[in-house]
Amino acid sequence: MTNENTTQASRTAQIINTTHNPRSAWAKGVRAYALELLESYEPNEVTKQGLLNGARDWPEYSYGGNAHIFDQDIAESLCTPSGLKAKRGGDLQPNSRTTWLDLQARALGQACNMILDAAKLA
């Protein structure tokens, strides 16, 4: 059923596109991160280590500049319009204990889990 010319990453992205219909801003952001991770994925077999692209974990990936680097971009990716307004477009941190890069790392971890689950079906 699979075309030999398509990679597991592209088949995984197709599965995510067809099976995940996010409703919340957070779920939409996680799905977008998952698709971004797969967009430039090189190896044929999808693995967590491959997705991390040399980083030790998702915080290192996030803080290392492998994803969005500006608070505003992260906030726009993960917040509702009202949440974005409340955080002044990312000028204010999400809360007193979390930075936007921490929040992005959490979303990337969830995106990785989404990818690995979908890859089992690809």
PDB file of N, CA and C in Angstrom:
ATOM      1  N   MET A   1       0.803  -1.196   0.000  1.00  0.00           N
ATOM      2  CA  MET A   1       0.000   0.000   0.000  1.00  0.00           C
ATOM      3  C   MET A   1       0.852   1.267   0.000  1.00  0.00           C
ATOM      4  N   THR A   2       2.082   1.214   0.549  1.00  0.00           N
ATOM      5  CA  THR A   2       2.920   2.393   0.564  1.00  0.00           C
ATOM      6  C   THR A   2       3.737   2.477  -0.703  1.00  0.00           C
ATOM      7  N   ASN A   3       3.932   3.683  -1.154  1.00  0.00           N
ATOM      8  CA  ASN A   3       4.744   3.936  -2.328  1.00  0.00           C
ATOM      9  C   ASN A   3       6.203   3.912  -1.896  1.00  0.00           C
ATOM     10  N   GLU A   4       7.047   3.180  -2.599  1.00  0.00           N
ATOM     11  CA  GLU A   4       8.447   3.053  -2.211  1.00  0.00           C
ATOM     12  C   GLU A   4       9.204   4.359  -2.355  1.00  0.00           C
ATOM     13  N   ASN A   5       8.690   5.306  -3.121  1.00  0.00           N
ATOM     14  CA  ASN A   5       9.368   6.583  -3.321  1.00  0.00           C
ATOM     15  C   ASN A   5       9.082   7.580  -2.201  1.00  0.00           C
ATOM     16  N   THR A   6       8.116   7.307  -1.354  1.00  0.00           N
ATOM     17  CA  THR A   6       7.828   8.205  -0.242  1.00  0.00           C
ATOM     18  C   THR A   6       8.540   7.718   1.003  1.00  0.00           C
ATOM     19  N   THR A   7       9.027   8.651   1.797  1.00  0.00           N
ATOM     20  CA  THR A   7       9.731   8.293   3.020  1.00  0.00           C
ATOM     21  C   THR A   7       8.728   8.077   4.148  1.00  0.00           C
ATOM     22  N   GLN A   8       9.206   7.440   5.201  1.00  0.00           N
ATOM     23  CA  GLN A   8       8.354   7.261   6.369  1.00  0.00           C
ATOM     24  C   GLN A   8       7.941   8.617   6.932  1.00  0.00           C
ATOM     25  N   ALA A   9       8.838   9.603   6.864  1.00  0.00           N
ATOM     26  CA  ALA A   9       8.515  10.940   7.368  1.00  0.00           C
ATOM     27  C   ALA A   9       7.354  11.560   6.600  1.00  0.00           C
ATOM     28  N   SER A  10       7.364  11.438   5.275  1.00  0.00           N
ATOM     29  CA  SER A  10       6.268  12.028   4.496  1.00  0.00           C
ATOM     30  C   SER A  10       4.971  11.265   4.716  1.00  0.00           C
ATOM     31  N   ARG A  11       5.039   9.946   4.862  1.00  0.00           N
ATOM     32  CA  ARG A  11       3.828   9.172   5.155  1.00  0.00           C
ATOM     33  C   ARG A  11       3.297   9.525   6.545  1.00  0.00           C
ATOM     34  N   THR A  12       4.215   9.747   7.487  1.00  0.00           N
ATOM     35  CA  THR A  12       3.814  10.135   8.843  1.00  0.00           C
ATOM     36  C   THR A  12       3.124  11.493   8.818  1.00  0.00           C
ATOM     37  N   ALA A  13       3.660  12.441   8.060  1.00  0.00           N
ATOM     38  CA  ALA A  13       3.033  13.763   7.939  1.00  0.00           C
ATOM     39  C   ALA A  13       1.637  13.648   7.342  1.00  0.00           C
ATOM     40  N   GLN A  14       1.464  12.779   6.358  1.00  0.00           N
ATOM     41  CA  GLN A  14       0.144  12.566   5.760  1.00  0.00           C
ATOM     42  C   GLN A  14      -0.832  12.012   6.793  1.00  0.00           C
ATOM     43  N   ILE A  15      -0.369  11.092   7.617  1.00  0.00           N
ATOM     44  CA  ILE A  15      -1.230  10.518   8.663  1.00  0.00           C
ATOM     45  C   ILE A  15      -1.629  11.590   9.660  1.00  0.00           C
ATOM     46  N   ILE A  16      -0.677  12.416  10.070  1.00  0.00           N
ATOM     47  CA  ILE A  16      -0.987  13.496  11.019  1.00  0.00           C
ATOM     48  C   ILE A  16      -1.996  14.455  10.404  1.00  0.00           C
ATOM     49  N   ASN A  17      -1.809  14.803   9.143  1.00  0.00           N
ATOM     50  CA  ASN A  17      -2.738  15.722   8.466  1.00  0.00           C
ATOM     51  C   ASN A  17      -4.145  15.163   8.379  1.00  0.00           C
ATOM     52  N   THR A  18      -4.267  13.859   8.189  1.00  0.00           N
ATOM     53  CA  THR A  18      -5.599  13.278   8.003  1.00  0.00           C
ATOM     54  C   THR A  18      -6.261  12.837   9.299  1.00  0.00           C
ATOM     55  N   THR A  19      -5.477  12.529  10.324  1.00  0.00           N
ATOM     56  CA  THR A  19      -6.091  11.990  11.545  1.00  0.00           C
ATOM     57  C   THR A  19      -6.188  12.989  12.689  1.00  0.00           C
ATOM     58  N   HIS A  20      -5.407  14.037  12.675  1.00  0.00           N
ATOM     59  CA  HIS A  20      -5.434  15.015  13.772  1.00  0.00           C
ATOM     60  C   HIS A  20      -6.174  16.259  13.336  1.00  0.00           C
ATOM     61  N   ASN A  21      -7.293  16.501  13.986  1.00  0.00           N
ATOM     62  CA  ASN A  21      -8.096  17.686  13.714  1.00  0.00           C
ATOM     63  C   ASN A  21      -8.154  18.516  14.999  1.00  0.00           C
ATOM     64  N   PRO A  22      -7.101  19.287  15.253  1.00  0.00           N
ATOM     65  CA  PRO A  22      -7.028  20.018  16.519  1.00  0.00           C
ATOM     66  C   PRO A  22      -8.061  21.127  16.616  1.00  0.00           C
ATOM     67  N   ARG A  23      -8.546  21.331  17.831  1.00  0.00           N
ATOM     68  CA  ARG A  23      -9.525  22.395  18.067  1.00  0.00           C
ATOM     69  C   ARG A  23      -8.941  23.545  18.882  1.00  0.00           C
ATOM     70  N   SER A  24      -8.087  23.223  19.845  1.00  0.00           N
ATOM     71  CA  SER A  24      -7.525  24.281  20.688  1.00  0.00           C
ATOM     72  C   SER A  24      -6.292  24.891  20.034  1.00  0.00           C
ATOM     73  N   ALA A  25      -5.943  26.087  20.465  1.00  0.00           N
ATOM     74  CA  ALA A  25      -4.745  26.750  19.940  1.00  0.00           C
ATOM     75  C   ALA A  25      -3.505  25.922  20.269  1.00  0.00           C
ATOM     76  N   TRP A  26      -3.470  25.347  21.472  1.00  0.00           N
ATOM     77  CA  TRP A  26      -2.326  24.525  21.866  1.00  0.00           C
ATOM     78  C   TRP A  26      -2.202  23.314  20.935  1.00  0.00           C
ATOM     79  N   ALA A  27      -3.296  22.606  20.708  1.00  0.00           N
ATOM     80  CA  ALA A  27      -3.260  21.411  19.853  1.00  0.00           C
ATOM     81  C   ALA A  27      -2.882  21.779  18.419  1.00  0.00           C
ATOM     82  N   LYS A  28      -3.350  22.921  17.949  1.00  0.00           N
ATOM     83  CA  LYS A  28      -2.978  23.378  16.605  1.00  0.00           C
ATOM     84  C   LYS A  28      -1.480  23.675  16.548  1.00  0.00           C
ATOM     85  N   GLY A  29      -0.967  24.276  17.607  1.00  0.00           N
ATOM     86  CA  GLY A  29       0.466  24.574  17.662  1.00  0.00           C
ATOM     87  C   GLY A  29       1.314  23.315  17.708  1.00  0.00           C
ATOM     88  N   VAL A  30       0.886  22.337  18.505  1.00  0.00           N
ATOM     89  CA  VAL A  30       1.616  21.072  18.597  1.00  0.00           C
ATOM     90  C   VAL A  30       1.631  20.383  17.234  1.00  0.00           C
ATOM     91  N   ARG A  31       0.498  20.363  16.572  1.00  0.00           N
ATOM     92  CA  ARG A  31       0.428  19.750  15.241  1.00  0.00           C
ATOM     93  C   ARG A  31       1.339  20.482  14.254  1.00  0.00           C
ATOM     94  N   ALA A  32       1.351  21.801  14.318  1.00  0.00           N
ATOM     95  CA  ALA A  32       2.220  22.586  13.437  1.00  0.00           C
ATOM     96  C   ALA A  32       3.697  22.268  13.706  1.00  0.00           C
ATOM     97  N   TYR A  33       4.063  22.150  14.982  1.00  0.00           N
ATOM     98  CA  TYR A  33       5.440  21.778  15.312  1.00  0.00           C
ATOM     99  C   TYR A  33       5.760  20.387  14.769  1.00  0.00           C
ATOM    100  N   ALA A  34       4.824  19.454  14.887  1.00  0.00           N
ATOM    101  CA  ALA A  34       5.051  18.093  14.380  1.00  0.00           C
ATOM    102  C   ALA A  34       5.307  18.125  12.877  1.00  0.00           C
ATOM    103  N   LEU A  35       4.505  18.873  12.159  1.00  0.00           N
ATOM    104  CA  LEU A  35       4.678  18.949  10.707  1.00  0.00           C
ATOM    105  C   LEU A  35       5.971  19.661  10.335  1.00  0.00           C
ATOM    106  N   GLU A  36       6.365  20.677  11.113  1.00  0.00           N
ATOM    107  CA  GLU A  36       7.633  21.363  10.867  1.00  0.00           C
ATOM    108  C   GLU A  36       8.813  20.430  11.104  1.00  0.00           C
ATOM    109  N   LEU A  37       8.728  19.617  12.167  1.00  0.00           N
ATOM    110  CA  LEU A  37       9.805  18.665  12.443  1.00  0.00           C
ATOM    111  C   LEU A  37       9.966  17.673  11.293  1.00  0.00           C
ATOM    112  N   LEU A  38       8.851  17.249  10.730  1.00  0.00           N
ATOM    113  CA  LEU A  38       8.902  16.266   9.652  1.00  0.00           C
ATOM    114  C   LEU A  38       9.284  16.873   8.310  1.00  0.00           C
ATOM    115  N   GLU A  39       9.049  18.160   8.151  1.00  0.00           N
ATOM    116  CA  GLU A  39       9.273  18.835   6.870  1.00  0.00           C
ATOM    117  C   GLU A  39      10.712  18.698   6.381  1.00  0.00           C
ATOM    118  N   SER A  40      11.659  18.839   7.273  1.00  0.00           N
ATOM    119  CA  SER A  40      13.066  18.784   6.862  1.00  0.00           C
ATOM    120  C   SER A  40      13.757  17.512   7.359  1.00  0.00           C
ATOM    121  N   TYR A  41      12.969  16.508   7.696  1.00  0.00           N
ATOM    122  CA  TYR A  41      13.533  15.272   8.248  1.00  0.00           C
ATOM    123  C   TYR A  41      14.223  14.481   7.149  1.00  0.00           C
ATOM    124  N   GLU A  42      15.474  14.115   7.365  1.00  0.00           N
ATOM    125  CA  GLU A  42      16.276  13.448   6.343  1.00  0.00           C
ATOM    126  C   GLU A  42      16.239  11.916   6.384  1.00  0.00           C
ATOM    127  N   PRO A  43      16.547  11.281   7.528  1.00  0.00           N
ATOM    128  CA  PRO A  43      16.595   9.805   7.507  1.00  0.00           C
ATOM    129  C   PRO A  43      15.237   9.210   7.140  1.00  0.00           C
ATOM    130  N   ASN A  44      15.249   8.016   6.588  1.00  0.00           N
ATOM    131  CA  ASN A  44      13.990   7.380   6.199  1.00  0.00           C
ATOM    132  C   ASN A  44      13.192   6.944   7.425  1.00  0.00           C
ATOM    133  N   GLU A  45      13.843   6.381   8.432  1.00  0.00           N
ATOM    134  CA  GLU A  45      13.127   5.892   9.614  1.00  0.00           C
ATOM    135  C   GLU A  45      12.981   7.015  10.640  1.00  0.00           C
ATOM    136  N   VAL A  46      11.771   7.258  11.085  1.00  0.00           N
ATOM    137  CA  VAL A  46      11.501   8.322  12.048  1.00  0.00           C
ATOM    138  C   VAL A  46      11.822   7.820  13.456  1.00  0.00           C
ATOM    139  N   THR A  47      12.742   8.525  14.133  1.00  0.00           N
ATOM    140  CA  THR A  47      13.108   8.204  15.513  1.00  0.00           C
ATOM    141  C   THR A  47      13.172   9.488  16.333  1.00  0.00           C
ATOM    142  N   LYS A  48      13.079   9.335  17.646  1.00  0.00           N
ATOM    143  CA  LYS A  48      13.180  10.499  18.516  1.00  0.00           C
ATOM    144  C   LYS A  48      14.547  11.155  18.368  1.00  0.00           C
ATOM    145  N   GLN A  49      15.611  10.369  18.338  1.00  0.00           N
ATOM    146  CA  GLN A  49      16.959  10.920  18.201  1.00  0.00           C
ATOM    147  C   GLN A  49      17.115  11.672  16.883  1.00  0.00           C
ATOM    148  N   GLY A  50      16.523  11.142  15.838  1.00  0.00           N
ATOM    149  CA  GLY A  50      16.578  11.832  14.553  1.00  0.00           C
ATOM    150  C   GLY A  50      15.838  13.155  14.594  1.00  0.00           C
ATOM    151  N   LEU A  51      14.689  13.168  15.265  1.00  0.00           N
ATOM    152  CA  LEU A  51      13.906  14.400  15.376  1.00  0.00           C
ATOM    153  C   LEU A  51      14.635  15.444  16.213  1.00  0.00           C
ATOM    154  N   LEU A  52      15.373  14.988  17.236  1.00  0.00           N
ATOM    155  CA  LEU A  52      16.115  15.911  18.102  1.00  0.00           C
ATOM    156  C   LEU A  52      17.289  16.574  17.373  1.00  0.00           C
ATOM    157  N   ASN A  53      17.709  16.005  16.259  1.00  0.00           N
ATOM    158  CA  ASN A  53      18.728  16.626  15.412  1.00  0.00           C
ATOM    159  C   ASN A  53      19.998  16.992  16.195  1.00  0.00           C
ATOM    160  N   GLY A  54      20.466  16.076  17.020  1.00  0.00           N
ATOM    161  CA  GLY A  54      21.699  16.292  17.768  1.00  0.00           C
ATOM    162  C   GLY A  54      21.521  16.864  19.162  1.00  0.00           C
ATOM    163  N   ALA A  55      20.343  17.365  19.474  1.00  0.00           N
ATOM    164  CA  ALA A  55      20.093  17.892  20.816  1.00  0.00           C
ATOM    165  C   ALA A  55      19.862  16.728  21.784  1.00  0.00           C
ATOM    166  N   ARG A  56      20.139  16.957  23.050  1.00  0.00           N
ATOM    167  CA  ARG A  56      19.974  15.939  24.083  1.00  0.00           C
ATOM    168  C   ARG A  56      18.496  15.713  24.413  1.00  0.00           C
ATOM    169  N   ASP A  57      17.727  16.797  24.435  1.00  0.00           N
ATOM    170  CA  ASP A  57      16.308  16.722  24.782  1.00  0.00           C
ATOM    171  C   ASP A  57      15.601  17.932  24.181  1.00  0.00           C
ATOM    172  N   TRP A  58      14.295  18.030  24.419  1.00  0.00           N
ATOM    173  CA  TRP A  58      13.521  19.113  23.792  1.00  0.00           C
ATOM    174  C   TRP A  58      13.850  20.488  24.356  1.00  0.00           C
ATOM    175  N   PRO A  59      14.147  20.634  25.665  1.00  0.00           N
ATOM    176  CA  PRO A  59      14.594  21.957  26.116  1.00  0.00           C
ATOM    177  C   PRO A  59      15.886  22.404  25.420  1.00  0.00           C
ATOM    178  N   GLU A  60      16.836  21.480  25.259  1.00  0.00           N
ATOM    179  CA  GLU A  60      18.066  21.838  24.562  1.00  0.00           C
ATOM    180  C   GLU A  60      17.781  22.183  23.099  1.00  0.00           C
ATOM    181  N   TYR A  61      16.877  21.462  22.480  1.00  0.00           N
ATOM    182  CA  TYR A  61      16.472  21.737  21.096  1.00  0.00           C
ATOM    183  C   TYR A  61      15.866  23.136  21.007  1.00  0.00           C
ATOM    184  N   SER A  62      14.973  23.459  21.936  1.00  0.00           N
ATOM    185  CA  SER A  62      14.293  24.750  21.935  1.00  0.00           C
ATOM    186  C   SER A  62      15.264  25.887  22.231  1.00  0.00           C
ATOM    187  N   TYR A  63      16.045  25.744  23.304  1.00  0.00           N
ATOM    188  CA  TYR A  63      16.988  26.794  23.689  1.00  0.00           C
ATOM    189  C   TYR A  63      18.157  26.898  22.708  1.00  0.00           C
ATOM    190  N   GLY A  64      18.423  25.842  21.960  1.00  0.00           N
ATOM    191  CA  GLY A  64      19.521  25.846  21.000  1.00  0.00           C
ATOM    192  C   GLY A  64      19.187  26.522  19.683  1.00  0.00           C
ATOM    193  N   GLY A  65      17.981  27.010  19.546  1.00  0.00           N
ATOM    194  CA  GLY A  65      17.605  27.741  18.343  1.00  0.00           C
ATOM    195  C   GLY A  65      17.169  26.866  17.185  1.00  0.00           C
ATOM    196  N   ASN A  66      16.796  25.613  17.470  1.00  0.00           N
ATOM    197  CA  ASN A  66      16.372  24.718  16.396  1.00  0.00           C
ATOM    198  C   ASN A  66      14.908  24.905  16.010  1.00  0.00           C
ATOM    199  N   ALA A  67      14.169  25.646  16.805  1.00  0.00           N
ATOM    200  CA  ALA A  67      12.764  25.937  16.503  1.00  0.00           C
ATOM    201  C   ALA A  67      12.619  27.465  16.535  1.00  0.00           C
ATOM    202  N   HIS A  68      11.451  27.964  16.887  1.00  0.00           N
ATOM    203  CA  HIS A  68      11.278  29.415  16.977  1.00  0.00           C
ATOM    204  C   HIS A  68      12.204  29.975  18.049  1.00  0.00           C
ATOM    205  N   ILE A  69      12.766  31.139  17.802  1.00  0.00           N
ATOM    206  CA  ILE A  69      13.686  31.728  18.773  1.00  0.00           C
ATOM    207  C   ILE A  69      13.128  32.991  19.428  1.00  0.00           C
ATOM    208  N   PHE A  70      12.111  33.584  18.834  1.00  0.00           N
ATOM    209  CA  PHE A  70      11.536  34.801  19.392  1.00  0.00           C
ATOM    210  C   PHE A  70      10.269  34.473  20.168  1.00  0.00           C
ATOM    211  N   ASP A  71      10.138  35.104  21.342  1.00  0.00           N
ATOM    212  CA  ASP A  71       8.969  34.876  22.189  1.00  0.00           C
ATOM    213  C   ASP A  71       7.672  35.136  21.432  1.00  0.00           C
ATOM    214  N   GLN A  72       7.638  36.180  20.625  1.00  0.00           N
ATOM    215  CA  GLN A  72       6.434  36.523  19.878  1.00  0.00           C
ATOM    216  C   GLN A  72       6.031  35.385  18.949  1.00  0.00           C
ATOM    217  N   ASP A  73       6.991  34.774  18.259  1.00  0.00           N
ATOM    218  CA  ASP A  73       6.683  33.674  17.341  1.00  0.00           C
ATOM    219  C   ASP A  73       6.137  32.460  18.084  1.00  0.00           C
ATOM    220  N   ILE A  74       6.736  32.170  19.237  1.00  0.00           N
ATOM    221  CA  ILE A  74       6.267  31.032  20.038  1.00  0.00           C
ATOM    222  C   ILE A  74       4.859  31.305  20.549  1.00  0.00           C
ATOM    223  N   ALA A  75       4.637  32.507  21.062  1.00  0.00           N
ATOM    224  CA  ALA A  75       3.317  32.870  21.574  1.00  0.00           C
ATOM    225  C   ALA A  75       2.265  32.781  20.474  1.00  0.00           C
ATOM    226  N   GLU A  76       2.584  33.266  19.294  1.00  0.00           N
ATOM    227  CA  GLU A  76       1.635  33.196  18.179  1.00  0.00           C
ATOM    228  C   GLU A  76       1.338  31.762  17.781  1.00  0.00           C
ATOM    229  N   SER A  77       2.307  30.877  17.962  1.00  0.00           N
ATOM    230  CA  SER A  77       2.126  29.468  17.607  1.00  0.00           C
ATOM    231  C   SER A  77       1.243  28.714  18.592  1.00  0.00           C
ATOM    232  N   LEU A  78       1.234  29.132  19.849  1.00  0.00           N
ATOM    233  CA  LEU A  78       0.611  28.315  20.896  1.00  0.00           C
ATOM    234  C   LEU A  78      -0.557  28.971  21.634  1.00  0.00           C
ATOM    235  N   CYS A  79      -0.811  30.236  21.387  1.00  0.00           N
ATOM    236  CA  CYS A  79      -1.851  30.951  22.142  1.00  0.00           C
ATOM    237  C   CYS A  79      -3.095  31.238  21.313  1.00  0.00           C
ATOM    238  N   THR A  80      -4.188  31.381  22.010  1.00  0.00           N
ATOM    239  CA  THR A  80      -5.408  31.890  21.401  1.00  0.00           C
ATOM    240  C   THR A  80      -5.220  33.392  21.172  1.00  0.00           C
ATOM    241  N   PRO A  81      -6.046  34.015  20.349  1.00  0.00           N
ATOM    242  CA  PRO A  81      -5.931  35.469  20.178  1.00  0.00           C
ATOM    243  C   PRO A  81      -6.061  36.231  21.507  1.00  0.00           C
ATOM    244  N   SER A  82      -6.974  35.799  22.368  1.00  0.00           N
ATOM    245  CA  SER A  82      -7.122  36.491  23.653  1.00  0.00           C
ATOM    246  C   SER A  82      -5.911  36.236  24.557  1.00  0.00           C
ATOM    247  N   GLY A  83      -5.366  35.035  24.519  1.00  0.00           N
ATOM    248  CA  GLY A  83      -4.168  34.735  25.302  1.00  0.00           C
ATOM    249  C   GLY A  83      -2.968  35.532  24.800  1.00  0.00           C
ATOM    250  N   LEU A  84      -2.897  35.676  23.494  1.00  0.00           N
ATOM    251  CA  LEU A  84      -1.820  36.453  22.897  1.00  0.00           C
ATOM    252  C   LEU A  84      -1.929  37.923  23.315  1.00  0.00           C
ATOM    253  N   LYS A  85      -3.149  38.425  23.341  1.00  0.00           N
ATOM    254  CA  LYS A  85      -3.370  39.809  23.769  1.00  0.00           C
ATOM    255  C   LYS A  85      -3.017  39.974  25.248  1.00  0.00           C
ATOM    256  N   ALA A  86      -3.406  39.006  26.063  1.00  0.00           N
ATOM    257  CA  ALA A  86      -3.116  39.068  27.501  1.00  0.00           C
ATOM    258  C   ALA A  86      -1.617  39.039  27.773  1.00  0.00           C
ATOM    259  N   LYS A  87      -0.867  38.356  26.930  1.00  0.00           N
ATOM    260  CA  LYS A  87       0.589  38.269  27.101  1.00  0.00           C
ATOM    261  C   LYS A  87       1.323  39.292  26.246  1.00  0.00           C
ATOM    262  N   ARG A  88       0.561  40.274  25.745  1.00  0.00           N
ATOM    263  CA  ARG A  88       1.092  41.382  24.937  1.00  0.00           C
ATOM    264  C   ARG A  88       1.953  40.875  23.781  1.00  0.00           C
ATOM    265  N   GLY A  89       1.413  39.875  23.094  1.00  0.00           N
ATOM    266  CA  GLY A  89       2.086  39.347  21.912  1.00  0.00           C
ATOM    267  C   GLY A  89       3.362  38.590  22.205  1.00  0.00           C
ATOM    268  N   GLY A  90       3.539  38.186  23.462  1.00  0.00           N
ATOM    269  CA  GLY A  90       4.736  37.454  23.849  1.00  0.00           C
ATOM    270  C   GLY A  90       5.710  38.285  24.666  1.00  0.00           C
ATOM    271  N   ASP A  91       5.389  39.563  24.880  1.00  0.00           N
ATOM    272  CA  ASP A  91       6.262  40.408  25.702  1.00  0.00           C
ATOM    273  C   ASP A  91       6.271  39.956  27.162  1.00  0.00           C
ATOM    274  N   LEU A  92       5.137  39.433  27.632  1.00  0.00           N
ATOM    275  CA  LEU A  92       5.055  38.893  28.992  1.00  0.00           C
ATOM    276  C   LEU A  92       5.248  37.383  28.931  1.00  0.00           C
ATOM    277  N   GLN A  93       5.930  36.828  29.914  1.00  0.00           N
ATOM    278  CA  GLN A  93       6.142  35.381  29.963  1.00  0.00           C
ATOM    279  C   GLN A  93       4.814  34.665  30.231  1.00  0.00           C
ATOM    280  N   PRO A  94       4.719  33.375  29.866  1.00  0.00           N
ATOM    281  CA  PRO A  94       3.457  32.640  30.057  1.00  0.00           C
ATOM    282  C   PRO A  94       2.987  32.635  31.507  1.00  0.00           C
ATOM    283  N   ASN A  95       3.916  32.454  32.448  1.00  0.00           N
ATOM    284  CA  ASN A  95       3.613  32.569  33.884  1.00  0.00           C
ATOM    285  C   ASN A  95       4.916  32.831  34.624  1.00  0.00           C
ATOM    286  N   SER A  96       4.855  32.879  35.951  1.00  0.00           N
ATOM    287  CA  SER A  96       6.040  33.272  36.722  1.00  0.00           C
ATOM    288  C   SER A  96       7.140  32.212  36.740  1.00  0.00           C
ATOM    289  N   ARG A  97       6.828  30.977  36.370  1.00  0.00           N
ATOM    290  CA  ARG A  97       7.812  29.897  36.436  1.00  0.00           C
ATOM    291  C   ARG A  97       8.216  29.358  35.064  1.00  0.00           C
ATOM    292  N   THR A  98       7.604  29.845  34.003  1.00  0.00           N
ATOM    293  CA  THR A  98       7.816  29.271  32.671  1.00  0.00           C
ATOM    294  C   THR A  98       8.159  30.352  31.663  1.00  0.00           C
ATOM    295  N   THR A  99       9.144  30.067  30.829  1.00  0.00           N
ATOM    296  CA  THR A  99       9.467  30.977  29.727  1.00  0.00           C
ATOM    297  C   THR A  99       8.802  30.457  28.460  1.00  0.00           C
ATOM    298  N   TRP A 100       8.804  31.281  27.420  1.00  0.00           N
ATOM    299  CA  TRP A 100       8.236  30.846  26.141  1.00  0.00           C
ATOM    300  C   TRP A 100       9.038  29.682  25.564  1.00  0.00           C
ATOM    301  N   LEU A 101      10.360  29.687  25.781  1.00  0.00           N
ATOM    302  CA  LEU A 101      11.183  28.582  25.284  1.00  0.00           C
ATOM    303  C   LEU A 101      10.868  27.281  26.021  1.00  0.00           C
ATOM    304  N   ASP A 102      10.566  27.375  27.336  1.00  0.00           N
ATOM    305  CA  ASP A 102      10.142  26.189  28.089  1.00  0.00           C
ATOM    306  C   ASP A 102       8.823  25.652  27.541  1.00  0.00           C
ATOM    307  N   LEU A 103       7.903  26.557  27.280  1.00  0.00           N
ATOM    308  CA  LEU A 103       6.601  26.163  26.747  1.00  0.00           C
ATOM    309  C   LEU A 103       6.755  25.521  25.366  1.00  0.00           C
ATOM    310  N   GLN A 104       7.632  26.094  24.560  1.00  0.00           N
ATOM    311  CA  GLN A 104       7.893  25.520  23.246  1.00  0.00           C
ATOM    312  C   GLN A 104       8.492  24.113  23.384  1.00  0.00           C
ATOM    313  N   ALA A 105       9.385  23.920  24.339  1.00  0.00           N
ATOM    314  CA  ALA A 105       9.986  22.600  24.553  1.00  0.00           C
ATOM    315  C   ALA A 105       8.918  21.577  24.912  1.00  0.00           C
ATOM    316  N   ARG A 106       7.959  21.972  25.730  1.00  0.00           N
ATOM    317  CA  ARG A 106       6.854  21.076  26.087  1.00  0.00           C
ATOM    318  C   ARG A 106       6.019  20.734  24.849  1.00  0.00           C
ATOM    319  N   ALA A 107       5.736  21.724  24.028  1.00  0.00           N
ATOM    320  CA  ALA A 107       4.967  21.489  22.800  1.00  0.00           C
ATOM    321  C   ALA A 107       5.744  20.589  21.838  1.00  0.00           C
ATOM    322  N   LEU A 108       7.050  20.788  21.745  1.00  0.00           N
ATOM    323  CA  LEU A 108       7.872  19.938  20.880  1.00  0.00           C
ATOM    324  C   LEU A 108       7.874  18.489  21.356  1.00  0.00           C
ATOM    325  N   GLY A 109       7.903  18.293  22.676  1.00  0.00           N
ATOM    326  CA  GLY A 109       7.835  16.938  23.215  1.00  0.00           C
ATOM    327  C   GLY A 109       6.522  16.262  22.846  1.00  0.00           C
ATOM    328  N   GLN A 110       5.428  17.006  22.944  1.00  0.00           N
ATOM    329  CA  GLN A 110       4.131  16.452  22.555  1.00  0.00           C
ATOM    330  C   GLN A 110       4.073  16.197  21.054  1.00  0.00           C
ATOM    331  N   ALA A 111       4.691  17.080  20.275  1.00  0.00           N
ATOM    332  CA  ALA A 111       4.739  16.891  18.821  1.00  0.00           C
ATOM    333  C   ALA A 111       5.534  15.633  18.487  1.00  0.00           C
ATOM    334  N   CYS A 112       6.619  15.406  19.207  1.00  0.00           N
ATOM    335  CA  CYS A 112       7.421  14.201  18.992  1.00  0.00           C
ATOM    336  C   CYS A 112       6.590  12.959  19.265  1.00  0.00           C
ATOM    337  N   ASN A 113       5.844  12.952  20.365  1.00  0.00           N
ATOM    338  CA  ASN A 113       4.985  11.810  20.678  1.00  0.00           C
ATOM    339  C   ASN A 113       3.940  11.594  19.591  1.00  0.00           C
ATOM    340  N   MET A 114       3.383  12.678  19.066  1.00  0.00           N
ATOM    341  CA  MET A 114       2.403  12.588  17.984  1.00  0.00           C
ATOM    342  C   MET A 114       3.046  11.957  16.755  1.00  0.00           C
ATOM    343  N   ILE A 115       4.255  12.389  16.446  1.00  0.00           N
ATOM    344  CA  ILE A 115       4.970  11.867  15.279  1.00  0.00           C
ATOM    345  C   ILE A 115       5.271  10.390  15.454  1.00  0.00           C
ATOM    346  N   LEU A 116       5.787   9.998  16.618  1.00  0.00           N
ATOM    347  CA  LEU A 116       6.152   8.599  16.838  1.00  0.00           C
ATOM    348  C   LEU A 116       4.929   7.687  16.805  1.00  0.00           C
ATOM    349  N   ASP A 117       3.802   8.171  17.320  1.00  0.00           N
ATOM    350  CA  ASP A 117       2.560   7.380  17.246  1.00  0.00           C
ATOM    351  C   ASP A 117       2.119   7.216  15.795  1.00  0.00           C
ATOM    352  N   ALA A 118       2.173   8.303  15.026  1.00  0.00           N
ATOM    353  CA  ALA A 118       1.760   8.244  13.617  1.00  0.00           C
ATOM    354  C   ALA A 118       2.735   7.414  12.792  1.00  0.00           C
ATOM    355  N   ALA A 119       4.017   7.451  13.152  1.00  0.00           N
ATOM    356  CA  ALA A 119       5.030   6.699  12.398  1.00  0.00           C
ATOM    357  C   ALA A 119       4.801   5.188  12.501  1.00  0.00           C
ATOM    358  N   LYS A 120       4.202   4.754  13.593  1.00  0.00           N
ATOM    359  CA  LYS A 120       3.897   3.332  13.750  1.00  0.00           C
ATOM    360  C   LYS A 120       2.876   2.874  12.699  1.00  0.00           C
ATOM    361  N   LEU A 121       2.070   3.802  12.218  1.00  0.00           N
ATOM    362  CA  LEU A 121       1.046   3.490  11.230  1.00  0.00           C
ATOM    363  C   LEU A 121       1.546   3.677   9.791  1.00  0.00           C
ATOM    364  N   ALA A 122       2.656   4.406   9.659  1.00  0.00           N
ATOM    365  CA  ALA A 122       3.154   4.741   8.310  1.00  0.00           C
ATOM    366  C   ALA A 122       3.856   3.565   7.644  1.00  0.00           C
TER     367      ALA A 122
END
